[in-house]
Protein backbone atom coordinates (compact mmCIF):
# COMPACT_ATOMS: atom_id res chain seq x y z
CA MET A 1 -19.14 162.22 -109.27
CA SER A 2 -22.05 163.51 -107.88
CA SER A 3 -23.94 166.39 -109.03
CA ILE A 4 -22.31 169.98 -108.40
CA ARG A 5 -24.31 172.82 -107.30
CA THR A 6 -24.45 175.86 -109.50
CA VAL A 7 -26.33 179.37 -110.58
CA ARG A 8 -27.51 180.20 -114.04
CA PHE A 9 -25.80 183.69 -115.20
CA ALA A 10 -25.90 185.38 -118.51
CA ALA A 11 -24.19 188.47 -119.30
CA LEU A 12 -24.57 191.42 -121.28
CA ALA A 13 -22.18 193.15 -124.14
CA SER A 14 -22.28 196.19 -125.51
CA LEU A 15 -20.28 197.41 -128.73
CA LEU A 16 -19.23 201.50 -129.43
CA LEU A 17 -18.88 202.23 -133.34
CA GLY A 18 -17.14 205.95 -134.30
CA ALA A 19 -17.46 207.91 -137.34
CA VAL A 20 -14.48 209.91 -138.50
CA LEU A 21 -15.04 212.89 -140.99
CA LEU A 22 -12.61 213.53 -143.49
CA LEU A 23 -12.80 217.51 -144.98
CA ALA A 24 -11.42 218.30 -148.02
CA GLY A 25 -10.62 221.78 -149.34
CA VAL A 26 -10.07 223.69 -153.02
CA ALA A 27 -8.36 227.27 -153.03
CA CYS A 28 -8.98 229.28 -156.44
CA SER A 29 -7.45 232.68 -157.19
CA GLY A 30 -8.23 235.49 -160.28
CA GLY A 31 -6.42 238.33 -161.70
CA SER A 32 -7.63 241.93 -164.64
CA ALA A 33 -5.87 243.70 -167.00
CA ALA A 34 -4.85 247.40 -166.53
CA ASP A 35 -5.71 250.43 -169.29
CA ASP A 36 -3.09 250.45 -172.68
CA PRO A 37 -3.81 252.21 -175.27
CA THR A 38 -1.71 250.58 -177.19
CA PRO A 39 -3.39 247.70 -178.91
CA ALA A 40 -2.46 244.38 -177.10
CA PRO A 41 -0.33 241.65 -178.96
CA SER A 42 -1.93 238.88 -179.69
CA PRO A 43 -0.98 236.11 -176.88
CA SER A 44 1.10 233.41 -177.62
CA PRO A 45 -0.40 230.14 -177.27
CA ALA A 46 -0.10 228.79 -173.74
CA ALA A 47 2.41 226.24 -173.39
CA PRO A 48 1.12 223.43 -172.26
CA VAL A 49 1.12 222.51 -168.00
CA GLU A 50 2.27 219.41 -167.06
CA THR A 51 -0.04 218.25 -163.82
CA ALA A 52 2.48 215.73 -161.47
CA THR A 53 -0.22 213.22 -160.30
CA SER A 54 1.48 211.00 -157.98
CA THR A 55 0.13 207.28 -156.92
CA PRO A 56 -0.36 207.09 -152.97
CA THR A 57 1.69 204.19 -151.48
CA PRO A 58 -0.76 201.43 -150.57
CA ARG A 59 -1.32 200.63 -146.45
CA PRO A 60 -1.05 197.18 -145.92
CA SER A 61 -4.67 196.06 -144.65
CA PRO A 62 -4.32 194.15 -140.81
CA THR A 63 -4.32 190.52 -141.22
CA PRO A 64 -8.08 189.91 -139.56
CA THR A 65 -8.52 187.85 -137.15
CA PRO A 66 -10.57 184.31 -138.31
CA THR A 67 -13.37 184.02 -136.51
CA PRO A 68 -13.24 180.88 -134.12
CA PHE A 69 -15.12 177.69 -134.47
CA ALA A 70 -18.84 177.83 -133.44
CA GLY A 71 -19.25 173.92 -132.66
CA SER A 72 -18.86 171.20 -130.68
CA VAL A 73 -15.83 170.15 -128.57
CA ALA A 74 -14.51 166.74 -129.71
CA ARG A 75 -11.71 165.83 -127.45
CA ILE A 76 -9.72 166.80 -124.53
CA ILE A 77 -6.07 165.20 -124.59
CA ILE A 78 -3.81 165.71 -120.96
CA PRO A 79 -0.56 164.37 -122.48
CA ARG A 80 0.66 163.85 -118.33
CA PHE A 81 -1.65 161.04 -118.00
CA ASN A 82 -1.99 159.78 -120.93
CA VAL A 83 -6.12 161.17 -121.12
CA ASP A 84 -7.46 161.13 -124.88
CA ALA A 85 -11.18 161.29 -123.99
CA PRO A 86 -14.14 162.14 -126.11
CA ILE A 87 -16.92 164.94 -124.80
CA GLU A 88 -20.23 164.19 -123.84
CA GLU A 89 -22.04 167.42 -124.18
CA LEU A 90 -24.15 168.28 -120.57
CA GLY A 91 -26.51 170.23 -119.52
CA ILE A 92 -28.18 171.05 -115.87
CA THR A 93 -30.49 168.54 -113.68
CA PRO A 94 -33.85 169.46 -112.65
CA ASP A 95 -32.62 170.52 -109.38
CA GLY A 96 -29.98 173.39 -110.80
CA ALA A 97 -27.04 171.08 -110.33
CA LEU A 98 -24.09 170.43 -113.36
CA ASP A 99 -25.16 167.11 -114.59
CA THR A 100 -22.28 164.17 -115.07
CA PRO A 101 -20.73 162.64 -117.94
CA LYS A 102 -23.06 159.42 -118.87
CA ASN A 103 -20.60 157.34 -120.46
CA GLU A 104 -18.56 157.36 -117.41
CA ASN A 105 -15.78 155.41 -117.65
CA THR A 106 -14.99 156.96 -121.09
CA HIS A 107 -16.16 160.27 -121.55
CA VAL A 108 -15.39 164.24 -120.52
CA GLY A 109 -18.34 166.24 -120.00
CA TRP A 110 -18.45 169.84 -121.47
CA TYR A 111 -20.93 172.40 -120.51
CA PRO A 112 -22.07 174.40 -124.19
CA MET A 113 -24.18 176.73 -121.75
CA TYR A 114 -21.23 178.09 -120.13
CA ASP A 115 -18.16 179.41 -122.24
CA ARG A 116 -16.66 177.94 -125.65
CA PRO A 117 -13.42 176.79 -125.63
CA GLY A 118 -11.57 179.41 -128.36
CA TRP A 119 -13.90 182.39 -127.34
CA LEU A 120 -11.94 184.18 -124.74
CA GLY A 121 -14.36 183.11 -121.95
CA ASN A 122 -13.73 179.51 -119.44
CA ALA A 123 -15.08 176.52 -121.01
CA ILE A 124 -15.92 174.35 -118.04
CA PHE A 125 -15.34 170.48 -117.91
CA SER A 126 -16.40 167.38 -115.67
CA ALA A 127 -15.51 163.76 -115.45
CA HIS A 128 -15.15 161.02 -113.01
CA VAL A 129 -12.27 159.58 -111.09
CA TYR A 130 -13.75 156.33 -110.87
CA TYR A 131 -16.92 154.61 -111.92
CA HIS A 132 -17.85 151.25 -110.20
CA SER A 133 -14.09 150.69 -109.09
CA ILE A 134 -12.75 151.19 -112.72
CA PRO A 135 -10.73 154.01 -113.56
CA ALA A 136 -12.18 157.34 -115.09
CA PRO A 137 -10.98 159.97 -117.11
CA PHE A 138 -10.17 162.49 -114.43
CA VAL A 139 -8.58 159.94 -112.00
CA ASN A 140 -5.26 161.66 -112.15
CA LEU A 141 -6.77 164.98 -112.36
CA ALA A 142 -5.71 165.63 -108.93
CA LYS A 143 -2.03 165.52 -109.43
CA SER A 144 -1.98 168.29 -112.10
CA GLN A 145 0.61 170.72 -111.77
CA PRO A 146 1.65 174.21 -113.13
CA GLY A 147 3.05 173.84 -116.90
CA ASP A 148 1.13 170.53 -117.96
CA GLU A 149 -0.74 170.94 -120.97
CA ILE A 150 -4.32 170.49 -121.73
CA ILE A 151 -5.30 170.30 -125.56
CA VAL A 152 -8.84 170.47 -126.30
CA VAL A 153 -9.16 169.27 -129.94
CA MET A 154 -12.77 170.81 -131.68
CA ALA A 155 -15.08 169.14 -134.29
CA ASP A 156 -13.42 170.92 -136.97
CA GLY A 157 -10.18 169.11 -135.99
CA THR A 158 -8.70 172.76 -134.61
CA ARG A 159 -6.84 172.09 -131.20
CA TYR A 160 -6.46 174.47 -128.65
CA ARG A 161 -3.11 174.20 -125.89
CA TYR A 162 -3.68 175.21 -122.57
CA GLU A 163 -0.97 175.43 -119.50
CA VAL A 164 -2.04 174.61 -116.21
CA ILE A 165 -1.77 177.87 -113.90
CA SER A 166 -4.01 176.21 -111.18
CA ASN A 167 -4.98 173.31 -108.70
CA ASN A 168 -7.52 173.54 -105.87
CA ARG A 169 -9.61 171.17 -103.71
CA TYR A 170 -12.98 172.02 -101.48
CA HIS A 171 -15.56 171.03 -99.90
CA ARG A 172 -18.27 169.92 -101.45
CA ASP A 173 -20.60 171.97 -99.52
CA THR A 174 -18.67 175.36 -99.82
CA ILE A 175 -16.95 175.11 -103.26
CA PRO A 176 -17.41 178.45 -105.12
CA MET A 177 -19.23 177.69 -108.54
CA GLY A 178 -19.69 181.03 -109.16
CA ASP A 179 -16.25 182.32 -108.83
CA ILE A 180 -15.18 179.04 -110.47
CA ILE A 181 -17.19 179.48 -113.57
CA TRP A 182 -17.02 183.47 -113.96
CA PRO A 183 -13.83 184.13 -112.46
CA LYS A 184 -13.02 187.43 -111.97
CA ASP A 185 -9.27 187.42 -111.76
CA LYS A 186 -9.64 186.00 -115.09
CA ALA A 187 -8.27 188.86 -117.84
CA ASP A 188 -10.30 189.74 -120.55
CA TYR A 189 -7.76 188.80 -123.56
CA ASP A 190 -7.07 185.72 -121.32
CA GLU A 191 -8.86 182.53 -122.10
CA TRP A 192 -9.05 179.58 -119.45
CA VAL A 193 -10.61 175.59 -119.31
CA THR A 194 -11.45 174.58 -115.76
CA LEU A 195 -11.63 170.82 -115.31
CA ILE A 196 -13.59 169.95 -112.14
CA THR A 197 -13.83 166.26 -110.77
CA CYS A 198 -14.35 164.29 -107.23
CA GLY A 199 -11.76 164.24 -105.04
CA GLY A 200 -10.47 163.94 -100.72
CA GLU A 201 -11.87 161.12 -98.49
CA LEU A 202 -16.07 159.32 -99.04
CA ASP A 203 -18.60 160.43 -97.20
CA ALA A 204 -19.91 158.05 -94.52
CA THR A 205 -22.15 156.45 -97.47
CA GLY A 206 -18.83 155.35 -98.81
CA LEU A 207 -20.59 156.49 -101.96
CA GLU A 208 -19.05 160.23 -102.68
CA TYR A 209 -16.52 161.80 -102.07
CA LEU A 210 -16.20 165.19 -99.67
CA SER A 211 -14.61 167.04 -101.82
CA ARG A 212 -13.81 168.87 -105.02
CA ASP A 213 -10.68 169.17 -107.39
CA VAL A 214 -10.54 171.86 -109.43
CA VAL A 215 -7.79 172.53 -111.86
CA VAL A 216 -7.61 176.12 -114.39
CA ALA A 217 -5.53 176.00 -117.43
CA LYS A 218 -4.48 178.88 -119.11
CA ARG A 219 -4.58 179.40 -123.13
CA ILE A 220 -0.78 179.65 -125.14
CA PHE A 221 -1.32 181.46 -128.25
CA GLU A 222 1.01 180.67 -130.62
């Protein structure tokens, strides 16, 4: 797969904190004695007053949401195509393109400068279709259908399950990489993975594909 052009992007998030003020009030009352020529009898000892106390019923504590694993991705599994591939972390080439796996026939690339699985973002992966005429991990990716399962395994063993929701082919010269990496139609509460590979016909050189296949899958929360 040849390099894919993209641009860098930085997002700014803000956190709003609120405080609640609880007020408590206490009321007191007093009385006076009238003049009386008759000596007043000695007061009887006052009976002890029992003060009733109530123990409030404790409220159940909300179950805290565990912090997602912040480490690396270990493997990606696509059961339908018998893919169980290790992950190679990739970056951006000097000319501003997405780099491609160096272990061409065995590994899938992941770009940690973008989103990480488990964090409600859109994690980006890529792999070759063929390399030196040998099938690579995404050789069958273009056949993906809605409902196909994709499993991402993190380095700590955590597994996230995703379900394919779209499969699109774009010309390599007009592929909208910004919208693919930062999709405007993804809800904030959803989590996606996007898989990119080459597809379609070869160009005049016979060495590079004219198109890119892009498969998007949404996380299944269990």
